[in-house]
Structures are given as structure tokens and as C-alpha cells.
Amino acid sequence: MPEVEIEYCVPCGFLERAENVQHVLLATFGEKLDAVTLRTGANGVFRVTVSGDLVYDKQESEYDVDDIVRRVRDHV
């Protein structure tokens, strides 16, 4: 099963955003995911990977939870 990792910038205060994405992914995909983990970072990072594949990077796309869910769905 896929593992999702959400890397977020601690100094930027992205913890709440990361927790929100984690909650939505777990509520949406439940037992289809092995894990949805949070990883601390810095320098404005907010990335979502599925089994090591980058599916979202805030440097490349606007933050949109629904878009992130769609991108994760493609890997589940």
C-alpha cells in the first residue's frame, strides 16, 4: 500500500495546513494507505509525496486540498 509523506515548514507555521491535508487524506482513503506521516522542514517547504513520488510542491502549485487529494488518488 502507498505511504504518504507531508513535509512542511515549521518556522512558516504550516503545521495546521499539514494536519488538515493529513486528516482529509486519511478520511478519504482510509485503509488504502499504509501511512500518512508529517515531516518537519524549513525554508518555506510544503511537499506531498506518495511512496517517494512527488505529487505536490507549493513552489509549483497553489495550495488546494482538493487538488492534493486528486493527485494522491492517482497513486492509490
PDB file of N, CA and C in Angstrom:
ATOM      1  N   MET A   1       0.842  -1.188   0.000  1.00  0.00           N
ATOM      2  CA  MET A   1       0.000   0.000   0.000  1.00  0.00           C
ATOM      3  C   MET A   1       0.888   1.251   0.000  1.00  0.00           C
ATOM      4  N   PRO A   2       0.390   2.319  -0.580  1.00  0.00           N
ATOM      5  CA  PRO A   2       1.163   3.556  -0.643  1.00  0.00           C
ATOM      6  C   PRO A   2       1.342   4.206   0.729  1.00  0.00           C
ATOM      7  N   GLU A   3       2.456   4.925   0.854  1.00  0.00           N
ATOM      8  CA  GLU A   3       2.723   5.730   2.043  1.00  0.00           C
ATOM      9  C   GLU A   3       2.815   7.180   1.604  1.00  0.00           C
ATOM     10  N   VAL A   4       2.112   8.045   2.314  1.00  0.00           N
ATOM     11  CA  VAL A   4       2.121   9.471   2.002  1.00  0.00           C
ATOM     12  C   VAL A   4       2.963  10.191   3.050  1.00  0.00           C
ATOM     13  N   GLU A   5       3.807  11.114   2.582  1.00  0.00           N
ATOM     14  CA  GLU A   5       4.588  11.947   3.493  1.00  0.00           C
ATOM     15  C   GLU A   5       4.301  13.405   3.171  1.00  0.00           C
ATOM     16  N   ILE A   6       4.015  14.169   4.195  1.00  0.00           N
ATOM     17  CA  ILE A   6       3.763  15.597   4.059  1.00  0.00           C
ATOM     18  C   ILE A   6       4.902  16.322   4.767  1.00  0.00           C
ATOM     19  N   GLU A   7       5.740  16.999   3.999  1.00  0.00           N
ATOM     20  CA  GLU A   7       6.847  17.765   4.570  1.00  0.00           C
ATOM     21  C   GLU A   7       6.415  19.228   4.621  1.00  0.00           C
ATOM     22  N   TYR A   8       6.533  19.847   5.800  1.00  0.00           N
ATOM     23  CA  TYR A   8       6.033  21.208   5.973  1.00  0.00           C
ATOM     24  C   TYR A   8       7.039  22.071   6.718  1.00  0.00           C
ATOM     25  N   CYS A   9       7.000  23.358   6.432  1.00  0.00           N
ATOM     26  CA  CYS A   9       7.900  24.324   7.051  1.00  0.00           C
ATOM     27  C   CYS A   9       7.392  24.676   8.447  1.00  0.00           C
ATOM     28  N   VAL A  10       8.209  24.361   9.451  1.00  0.00           N
ATOM     29  CA  VAL A  10       7.846  24.663  10.833  1.00  0.00           C
ATOM     30  C   VAL A  10       7.878  26.174  11.096  1.00  0.00           C
ATOM     31  N   PRO A  11       8.981  26.884  10.737  1.00  0.00           N
ATOM     32  CA  PRO A  11       9.016  28.329  11.010  1.00  0.00           C
ATOM     33  C   PRO A  11       7.898  29.109  10.310  1.00  0.00           C
ATOM     34  N   CYS A  12       7.391  28.596   9.194  1.00  0.00           N
ATOM     35  CA  CYS A  12       6.328  29.283   8.446  1.00  0.00           C
ATOM     36  C   CYS A  12       4.953  29.069   9.070  1.00  0.00           C
ATOM     37  N   GLY A  13       4.860  28.134  10.016  1.00  0.00           N
ATOM     38  CA  GLY A  13       3.580  27.861  10.651  1.00  0.00           C
ATOM     39  C   GLY A  13       2.660  26.989   9.814  1.00  0.00           C
ATOM     40  N   PHE A  14       3.230  26.086   9.006  1.00  0.00           N
ATOM     41  CA  PHE A  14       2.435  25.230   8.128  1.00  0.00           C
ATOM     42  C   PHE A  14       1.927  23.953   8.798  1.00  0.00           C
ATOM     43  N   LEU A  15       2.122  23.813  10.110  1.00  0.00           N
ATOM     44  CA  LEU A  15       1.668  22.607  10.802  1.00  0.00           C
ATOM     45  C   LEU A  15       0.166  22.399  10.639  1.00  0.00           C
ATOM     46  N   GLU A  16      -0.624  23.432  10.839  1.00  0.00           N
ATOM     47  CA  GLU A  16      -2.084  23.297  10.736  1.00  0.00           C
ATOM     48  C   GLU A  16      -2.489  22.866   9.320  1.00  0.00           C
ATOM     49  N   ARG A  17      -1.839  23.424   8.322  1.00  0.00           N
ATOM     50  CA  ARG A  17      -2.103  23.060   6.927  1.00  0.00           C
ATOM     51  C   ARG A  17      -1.759  21.586   6.701  1.00  0.00           C
ATOM     52  N   ALA A  18      -0.614  21.161   7.225  1.00  0.00           N
ATOM     53  CA  ALA A  18      -0.183  19.766   7.066  1.00  0.00           C
ATOM     54  C   ALA A  18      -1.143  18.811   7.763  1.00  0.00           C
ATOM     55  N   GLU A  19      -1.581  19.178   8.964  1.00  0.00           N
ATOM     56  CA  GLU A  19      -2.534  18.342   9.689  1.00  0.00           C
ATOM     57  C   GLU A  19      -3.865  18.255   8.948  1.00  0.00           C
ATOM     58  N   ASN A  20      -4.279  19.342   8.330  1.00  0.00           N
ATOM     59  CA  ASN A  20      -5.526  19.351   7.568  1.00  0.00           C
ATOM     60  C   ASN A  20      -5.430  18.394   6.380  1.00  0.00           C
ATOM     61  N   VAL A  21      -4.339  18.466   5.637  1.00  0.00           N
ATOM     62  CA  VAL A  21      -4.156  17.559   4.497  1.00  0.00           C
ATOM     63  C   VAL A  21      -4.107  16.114   4.985  1.00  0.00           C
ATOM     64  N   GLN A  22      -3.394  15.869   6.083  1.00  0.00           N
ATOM     65  CA  GLN A  22      -3.314  14.524   6.644  1.00  0.00           C
ATOM     66  C   GLN A  22      -4.702  14.003   6.993  1.00  0.00           C
ATOM     67  N   HIS A  23      -5.498  14.817   7.659  1.00  0.00           N
ATOM     68  CA  HIS A  23      -6.848  14.416   8.062  1.00  0.00           C
ATOM     69  C   HIS A  23      -7.718  14.089   6.845  1.00  0.00           C
ATOM     70  N   VAL A  24      -7.689  14.954   5.840  1.00  0.00           N
ATOM     71  CA  VAL A  24      -8.516  14.744   4.651  1.00  0.00           C
ATOM     72  C   VAL A  24      -8.089  13.471   3.919  1.00  0.00           C
ATOM     73  N   LEU A  25      -6.785  13.243   3.804  1.00  0.00           N
ATOM     74  CA  LEU A  25      -6.313  12.030   3.123  1.00  0.00           C
ATOM     75  C   LEU A  25      -6.727  10.771   3.876  1.00  0.00           C
ATOM     76  N   LEU A  26      -6.603  10.786   5.191  1.00  0.00           N
ATOM     77  CA  LEU A  26      -6.998   9.616   5.981  1.00  0.00           C
ATOM     78  C   LEU A  26      -8.510   9.398   5.915  1.00  0.00           C
ATOM     79  N   ALA A  27      -9.271  10.473   5.952  1.00  0.00           N
ATOM     80  CA  ALA A  27     -10.739  10.355   5.875  1.00  0.00           C
ATOM     81  C   ALA A  27     -11.177   9.877   4.495  1.00  0.00           C
ATOM     82  N   THR A  28     -10.459  10.280   3.461  1.00  0.00           N
ATOM     83  CA  THR A  28     -10.827   9.939   2.089  1.00  0.00           C
ATOM     84  C   THR A  28     -10.397   8.531   1.703  1.00  0.00           C
ATOM     85  N   PHE A  29      -9.164   8.169   2.045  1.00  0.00           N
ATOM     86  CA  PHE A  29      -8.606   6.906   1.562  1.00  0.00           C
ATOM     87  C   PHE A  29      -8.511   5.811   2.626  1.00  0.00           C
ATOM     88  N   GLY A  30      -8.632   6.188   3.897  1.00  0.00           N
ATOM     89  CA  GLY A  30      -8.664   5.215   4.988  1.00  0.00           C
ATOM     90  C   GLY A  30      -7.664   4.091   4.874  1.00  0.00           C
ATOM     91  N   GLU A  31      -8.169   2.876   4.753  1.00  0.00           N
ATOM     92  CA  GLU A  31      -7.326   1.677   4.775  1.00  0.00           C
ATOM     93  C   GLU A  31      -6.557   1.442   3.477  1.00  0.00           C
ATOM     94  N   LYS A  32      -6.731   2.299   2.482  1.00  0.00           N
ATOM     95  CA  LYS A  32      -5.987   2.145   1.228  1.00  0.00           C
ATOM     96  C   LYS A  32      -4.573   2.690   1.330  1.00  0.00           C
ATOM     97  N   LEU A  33      -4.271   3.377   2.447  1.00  0.00           N
ATOM     98  CA  LEU A  33      -2.943   3.935   2.669  1.00  0.00           C
ATOM     99  C   LEU A  33      -2.272   3.225   3.832  1.00  0.00           C
ATOM    100  N   ASP A  34      -0.987   2.987   3.682  1.00  0.00           N
ATOM    101  CA  ASP A  34      -0.214   2.376   4.760  1.00  0.00           C
ATOM    102  C   ASP A  34       0.031   3.383   5.882  1.00  0.00           C
ATOM    103  N   ALA A  35       0.321   4.632   5.492  1.00  0.00           N
ATOM    104  CA  ALA A  35       0.604   5.678   6.471  1.00  0.00           C
ATOM    105  C   ALA A  35       0.486   7.041   5.823  1.00  0.00           C
ATOM    106  N   VAL A  36       0.170   8.040   6.642  1.00  0.00           N
ATOM    107  CA  VAL A  36       0.236   9.435   6.232  1.00  0.00           C
ATOM    108  C   VAL A  36       1.035  10.131   7.324  1.00  0.00           C
ATOM    109  N   THR A  37       2.301  10.415   7.020  1.00  0.00           N
ATOM    110  CA  THR A  37       3.201  10.953   8.040  1.00  0.00           C
ATOM    111  C   THR A  37       3.524  12.419   7.780  1.00  0.00           C
ATOM    112  N   LEU A  38       3.830  13.114   8.874  1.00  0.00           N
ATOM    113  CA  LEU A  38       4.256  14.509   8.803  1.00  0.00           C
ATOM    114  C   LEU A  38       5.758  14.552   9.031  1.00  0.00           C
ATOM    115  N   ARG A  39       6.434  15.374   8.226  1.00  0.00           N
ATOM    116  CA  ARG A  39       7.885  15.526   8.344  1.00  0.00           C
ATOM    117  C   ARG A  39       8.198  17.017   8.434  1.00  0.00           C
ATOM    118  N   THR A  40       8.934  17.398   9.454  1.00  0.00           N
ATOM    119  CA  THR A  40       9.268  18.808   9.631  1.00  0.00           C
ATOM    120  C   THR A  40      10.310  19.255   8.613  1.00  0.00           C
ATOM    121  N   GLY A  41      10.202  20.512   8.238  1.00  0.00           N
ATOM    122  CA  GLY A  41      11.138  21.101   7.288  1.00  0.00           C
ATOM    123  C   GLY A  41      11.279  22.590   7.557  1.00  0.00           C
ATOM    124  N   ALA A  42      11.944  23.284   6.633  1.00  0.00           N
ATOM    125  CA  ALA A  42      12.179  24.719   6.771  1.00  0.00           C
ATOM    126  C   ALA A  42      12.199  25.344   5.380  1.00  0.00           C
ATOM    127  N   ASN A  43      12.514  26.623   5.326  1.00  0.00           N
ATOM    128  CA  ASN A  43      12.685  27.349   4.065  1.00  0.00           C
ATOM    129  C   ASN A  43      11.427  27.359   3.192  1.00  0.00           C
ATOM    130  N   GLY A  44      10.243  27.396   3.813  1.00  0.00           N
ATOM    131  CA  GLY A  44       9.003  27.526   3.066  1.00  0.00           C
ATOM    132  C   GLY A  44       8.488  26.262   2.410  1.00  0.00           C
ATOM    133  N   VAL A  45       9.059  25.112   2.768  1.00  0.00           N
ATOM    134  CA  VAL A  45       8.683  23.861   2.110  1.00  0.00           C
ATOM    135  C   VAL A  45       7.269  23.420   2.485  1.00  0.00           C
ATOM    136  N   PHE A  46       6.555  22.913   1.506  1.00  0.00           N
ATOM    137  CA  PHE A  46       5.305  22.185   1.727  1.00  0.00           C
ATOM    138  C   PHE A  46       5.170  21.242   0.545  1.00  0.00           C
ATOM    139  N   ARG A  47       5.519  19.975   0.783  1.00  0.00           N
ATOM    140  CA  ARG A  47       5.522  18.967  -0.273  1.00  0.00           C
ATOM    141  C   ARG A  47       4.754  17.742   0.185  1.00  0.00           C
ATOM    142  N   VAL A  48       4.130  17.076  -0.788  1.00  0.00           N
ATOM    143  CA  VAL A  48       3.440  15.814  -0.524  1.00  0.00           C
ATOM    144  C   VAL A  48       4.008  14.779  -1.483  1.00  0.00           C
ATOM    145  N   THR A  49       4.461  13.662  -0.918  1.00  0.00           N
ATOM    146  CA  THR A  49       4.960  12.560  -1.738  1.00  0.00           C
ATOM    147  C   THR A  49       4.142  11.314  -1.445  1.00  0.00           C
ATOM    148  N   VAL A  50       4.024  10.468  -2.455  1.00  0.00           N
ATOM    149  CA  VAL A  50       3.357   9.176  -2.301  1.00  0.00           C
ATOM    150  C   VAL A  50       4.370   8.115  -2.688  1.00  0.00           C
ATOM    151  N   SER A  51       4.758   7.305  -1.708  1.00  0.00           N
ATOM    152  CA  SER A  51       5.761   6.254  -1.912  1.00  0.00           C
ATOM    153  C   SER A  51       6.997   6.807  -2.611  1.00  0.00           C
ATOM    154  N   GLY A  52       7.415   7.995  -2.191  1.00  0.00           N
ATOM    155  CA  GLY A  52       8.622   8.609  -2.721  1.00  0.00           C
ATOM    156  C   GLY A  52       8.437   9.465  -3.959  1.00  0.00           C
ATOM    157  N   ASP A  53       7.258   9.418  -4.593  1.00  0.00           N
ATOM    158  CA  ASP A  53       6.989  10.216  -5.789  1.00  0.00           C
ATOM    159  C   ASP A  53       6.365  11.552  -5.396  1.00  0.00           C
ATOM    160  N   LEU A  54       6.973  12.654  -5.838  1.00  0.00           N
ATOM    161  CA  LEU A  54       6.451  13.979  -5.539  1.00  0.00           C
ATOM    162  C   LEU A  54       5.131  14.190  -6.271  1.00  0.00           C
ATOM    163  N   VAL A  55       4.070  14.492  -5.524  1.00  0.00           N
ATOM    164  CA  VAL A  55       2.769  14.751  -6.152  1.00  0.00           C
ATOM    165  C   VAL A  55       2.330  16.198  -5.976  1.00  0.00           C
ATOM    166  N   TYR A  56       2.918  16.910  -5.004  1.00  0.00           N
ATOM    167  CA  TYR A  56       2.565  18.306  -4.790  1.00  0.00           C
ATOM    168  C   TYR A  56       3.755  19.036  -4.188  1.00  0.00           C
ATOM    169  N   ASP A  57       4.015  20.244  -4.700  1.00  0.00           N
ATOM    170  CA  ASP A  57       5.043  21.131  -4.146  1.00  0.00           C
ATOM    171  C   ASP A  57       4.491  22.545  -4.235  1.00  0.00           C
ATOM    172  N   LYS A  58       4.408  23.225  -3.104  1.00  0.00           N
ATOM    173  CA  LYS A  58       3.806  24.561  -3.107  1.00  0.00           C
ATOM    174  C   LYS A  58       4.609  25.544  -3.947  1.00  0.00           C
ATOM    175  N   GLN A  59       5.859  25.222  -4.254  1.00  0.00           N
ATOM    176  CA  GLN A  59       6.664  26.082  -5.119  1.00  0.00           C
ATOM    177  C   GLN A  59       6.167  26.033  -6.563  1.00  0.00           C
ATOM    178  N   GLU A  60       5.440  24.961  -6.904  1.00  0.00           N
ATOM    179  CA  GLU A  60       4.982  24.769  -8.279  1.00  0.00           C
ATOM    180  C   GLU A  60       3.478  24.977  -8.454  1.00  0.00           C
ATOM    181  N   SER A  61       2.709  24.819  -7.390  1.00  0.00           N
ATOM    182  CA  SER A  61       1.246  24.903  -7.481  1.00  0.00           C
ATOM    183  C   SER A  61       0.688  25.632  -6.271  1.00  0.00           C
ATOM    184  N   GLU A  62      -0.478  26.257  -6.466  1.00  0.00           N
ATOM    185  CA  GLU A  62      -1.165  26.891  -5.338  1.00  0.00           C
ATOM    186  C   GLU A  62      -1.676  25.821  -4.385  1.00  0.00           C
ATOM    187  N   TYR A  63      -1.753  26.180  -3.110  1.00  0.00           N
ATOM    188  CA  TYR A  63      -2.267  25.253  -2.104  1.00  0.00           C
ATOM    189  C   TYR A  63      -3.764  25.067  -2.294  1.00  0.00           C
ATOM    190  N   ASP A  64      -4.171  23.824  -2.529  1.00  0.00           N
ATOM    191  CA  ASP A  64      -5.583  23.469  -2.704  1.00  0.00           C
ATOM    192  C   ASP A  64      -5.736  22.024  -2.240  1.00  0.00           C
ATOM    193  N   VAL A  65      -6.399  21.836  -1.124  1.00  0.00           N
ATOM    194  CA  VAL A  65      -6.533  20.497  -0.550  1.00  0.00           C
ATOM    195  C   VAL A  65      -7.193  19.541  -1.537  1.00  0.00           C
ATOM    196  N   ASP A  66      -8.235  19.976  -2.221  1.00  0.00           N
ATOM    197  CA  ASP A  66      -8.924  19.106  -3.180  1.00  0.00           C
ATOM    198  C   ASP A  66      -7.991  18.668  -4.305  1.00  0.00           C
ATOM    199  N   ASP A  67      -7.129  19.572  -4.763  1.00  0.00           N
ATOM    200  CA  ASP A  67      -6.163  19.228  -5.803  1.00  0.00           C
ATOM    201  C   ASP A  67      -5.152  18.203  -5.284  1.00  0.00           C
ATOM    202  N   ILE A  68      -4.706  18.379  -4.050  1.00  0.00           N
ATOM    203  CA  ILE A  68      -3.760  17.423  -3.464  1.00  0.00           C
ATOM    204  C   ILE A  68      -4.405  16.042  -3.365  1.00  0.00           C
ATOM    205  N   VAL A  69      -5.663  15.986  -2.943  1.00  0.00           N
ATOM    206  CA  VAL A  69      -6.375  14.706  -2.845  1.00  0.00           C
ATOM    207  C   VAL A  69      -6.468  14.046  -4.216  1.00  0.00           C
ATOM    208  N   ARG A  70      -6.785  14.817  -5.247  1.00  0.00           N
ATOM    209  CA  ARG A  70      -6.855  14.260  -6.611  1.00  0.00           C
ATOM    210  C   ARG A  70      -5.506  13.694  -7.039  1.00  0.00           C
ATOM    211  N   ARG A  71      -4.440  14.407  -6.716  1.00  0.00           N
ATOM    212  CA  ARG A  71      -3.099  13.937  -7.107  1.00  0.00           C
ATOM    213  C   ARG A  71      -2.719  12.672  -6.353  1.00  0.00           C
ATOM    214  N   VAL A  72      -3.085  12.587  -5.085  1.00  0.00           N
ATOM    215  CA  VAL A  72      -2.804  11.376  -4.311  1.00  0.00           C
ATOM    216  C   VAL A  72      -3.652  10.217  -4.847  1.00  0.00           C
ATOM    217  N   ARG A  73      -4.908  10.482  -5.191  1.00  0.00           N
ATOM    218  CA  ARG A  73      -5.815   9.457  -5.703  1.00  0.00           C
ATOM    219  C   ARG A  73      -5.204   8.732  -6.909  1.00  0.00           C
ATOM    220  N   ASP A  74      -4.483   9.451  -7.751  1.00  0.00           N
ATOM    221  CA  ASP A  74      -3.849   8.858  -8.924  1.00  0.00           C
ATOM    222  C   ASP A  74      -2.822   7.784  -8.555  1.00  0.00           C
ATOM    223  N   HIS A  75      -2.364   7.802  -7.304  1.00  0.00           N
ATOM    224  CA  HIS A  75      -1.344   6.852  -6.847  1.00  0.00           C
ATOM    225  C   HIS A  75      -1.894   5.774  -5.917  1.00  0.00           C
ATOM    226  N   VAL A  76      -3.175   5.876  -5.592  1.00  0.00           N
ATOM    227  CA  VAL A  76      -3.753   4.939  -4.615  1.00  0.00           C
ATOM    228  C   VAL A  76      -4.408   3.759  -5.311  1.00  0.00           C
TER     229      VAL A  76
END
